[in-house]
């Protein structure tokens, strides 16, 4: 028997409604860049242009957002820095409210989107 395909709704089934609002606003923001595909995975949600440019993990009190980058960024908002290859980084930011979707974060997401073209 084949397992059920993961859904975005399943990721938000047991969390605070504010996290769903953060996600909805995040999607509306990145869709302004161009074509975005939202892919629900077993443990995360990927945002894709040609390839994934961001990943979302729904946690109990926040959304953990992983952003693709071509270099490390020194910023106190970034909670994890992972170099995945010579010119590729994954940078984690925690989103606790819609206020966290500010110009700085949108700039990082736009750069990640362009890297994934």
Protein backbone atom coordinates (compact mmCIF):
# COMPACT_ATOMS: atom_id res chain seq x y z
CA UNK A 1 0.00 0.00 0.00
CA UNK A 2 1.36 3.38 -1.02
CA UNK A 3 1.73 6.07 1.67
CA UNK A 4 -0.36 9.21 1.30
CA UNK A 5 1.38 12.13 -0.41
CA UNK A 6 2.38 14.91 2.01
CA UNK A 7 0.32 18.10 1.82
CA UNK A 8 0.89 21.68 2.91
CA UNK A 9 -2.29 21.43 4.98
CA UNK A 10 -0.92 18.44 6.89
CA UNK A 11 2.14 20.45 7.93
CA UNK A 12 -0.11 23.09 9.51
CA UNK A 13 -2.75 20.74 10.96
CA UNK A 14 -1.62 21.01 14.58
CA UNK A 15 -0.06 24.45 14.81
CA UNK A 16 -1.07 27.96 15.72
CA UNK A 17 -3.04 29.84 13.05
CA UNK A 18 -0.45 32.63 13.05
CA UNK A 19 2.09 30.22 11.50
CA UNK A 20 -0.31 29.56 8.63
CA UNK A 21 -0.65 33.33 8.17
CA UNK A 22 3.15 33.72 8.08
CA UNK A 23 3.31 30.97 5.43
CA UNK A 24 0.55 32.53 3.32
CA UNK A 25 2.25 35.92 3.37
CA UNK A 26 5.60 34.33 2.59
CA UNK A 27 4.13 32.61 -0.47
CA UNK A 28 2.45 35.84 -1.63
CA UNK A 29 5.82 37.61 -1.28
CA UNK A 30 7.89 35.10 -3.27
CA UNK A 31 5.24 34.77 -5.99
CA UNK A 32 5.98 38.42 -6.85
CA UNK A 33 9.42 37.23 -8.07
CA UNK A 34 7.91 35.00 -10.76
CA UNK A 35 6.89 31.36 -11.04
CA UNK A 36 7.06 29.48 -7.72
CA UNK A 37 6.18 25.85 -7.13
CA UNK A 38 5.28 24.79 -3.59
CA UNK A 39 6.27 21.16 -2.96
CA UNK A 40 5.13 19.46 0.23
CA UNK A 41 7.62 16.85 1.42
CA UNK A 42 7.39 14.46 4.36
CA UNK A 43 9.13 16.77 6.86
CA UNK A 44 9.24 20.12 5.05
CA UNK A 45 7.86 22.30 2.29
CA UNK A 46 10.11 23.37 -0.59
CA UNK A 47 9.74 26.59 -2.56
CA UNK A 48 11.09 26.08 -6.07
CA UNK A 49 11.93 28.11 -9.13
CA UNK A 50 13.81 25.66 -11.39
CA UNK A 51 15.29 24.13 -8.22
CA UNK A 52 14.52 24.67 -4.54
CA UNK A 53 15.48 28.10 -3.26
CA UNK A 54 13.95 27.82 0.22
CA UNK A 55 12.70 25.20 2.63
CA UNK A 56 10.12 25.52 5.37
CA UNK A 57 9.80 23.45 8.53
CA UNK A 58 6.72 24.12 10.63
CA UNK A 59 7.70 24.04 14.30
CA UNK A 60 5.55 24.46 17.40
CA UNK A 61 6.18 28.20 17.87
CA UNK A 62 7.73 29.34 14.58
CA UNK A 63 8.53 28.57 11.00
CA UNK A 64 12.14 27.56 10.37
CA UNK A 65 13.03 28.94 6.94
CA UNK A 66 16.14 27.67 5.14
CA UNK A 67 17.34 29.98 2.39
CA UNK A 68 19.80 29.04 -0.38
CA UNK A 69 22.75 31.42 -0.72
CA UNK A 70 26.01 31.61 -2.67
CA UNK A 71 27.96 32.88 0.35
CA UNK A 72 27.66 32.96 4.11
CA UNK A 73 25.93 35.98 5.62
CA UNK A 74 26.83 37.33 9.02
CA UNK A 75 23.58 38.41 10.61
CA UNK A 76 22.14 37.78 14.08
CA UNK A 77 18.83 36.63 12.53
CA UNK A 78 20.54 33.65 10.95
CA UNK A 79 20.43 30.79 13.44
CA UNK A 80 22.31 28.19 11.39
CA UNK A 81 24.95 28.46 8.66
CA UNK A 82 25.62 25.30 6.63
CA UNK A 83 28.06 25.21 3.72
CA UNK A 84 26.75 22.54 1.34
CA UNK A 85 29.37 22.96 -1.42
CA UNK A 86 32.14 25.35 -2.49
CA UNK A 87 29.70 28.10 -3.51
CA UNK A 88 26.46 27.11 -1.79
CA UNK A 89 25.16 27.80 1.70
CA UNK A 90 21.93 27.02 3.52
CA UNK A 91 21.03 29.73 6.02
CA UNK A 92 18.28 29.24 8.62
CA UNK A 93 16.02 32.02 9.89
CA UNK A 94 13.18 31.59 12.37
CA UNK A 95 9.91 33.38 11.58
CA UNK A 96 7.80 34.08 14.68
CA UNK A 97 5.42 36.64 13.20
CA UNK A 98 4.55 38.33 9.92
CA UNK A 99 6.80 41.22 11.03
CA UNK A 100 9.75 38.93 10.34
CA UNK A 101 8.87 39.12 6.61
CA UNK A 102 10.73 42.40 6.23
CA UNK A 103 12.78 43.98 3.41
CA UNK A 104 15.99 42.26 4.51
CA UNK A 105 14.41 38.79 4.39
CA UNK A 106 12.74 39.53 1.04
CA UNK A 107 16.14 40.57 -0.36
CA UNK A 108 17.67 37.24 0.76
CA UNK A 109 14.75 35.30 -0.71
CA UNK A 110 14.98 37.19 -4.02
CA UNK A 111 18.67 36.35 -4.28
CA UNK A 112 17.93 32.68 -3.51
CA UNK A 113 15.16 32.68 -6.15
CA UNK A 114 17.58 34.08 -8.73
CA UNK A 115 20.21 31.45 -7.82
CA UNK A 116 17.65 28.76 -8.55
CA UNK A 117 16.77 30.01 -12.03
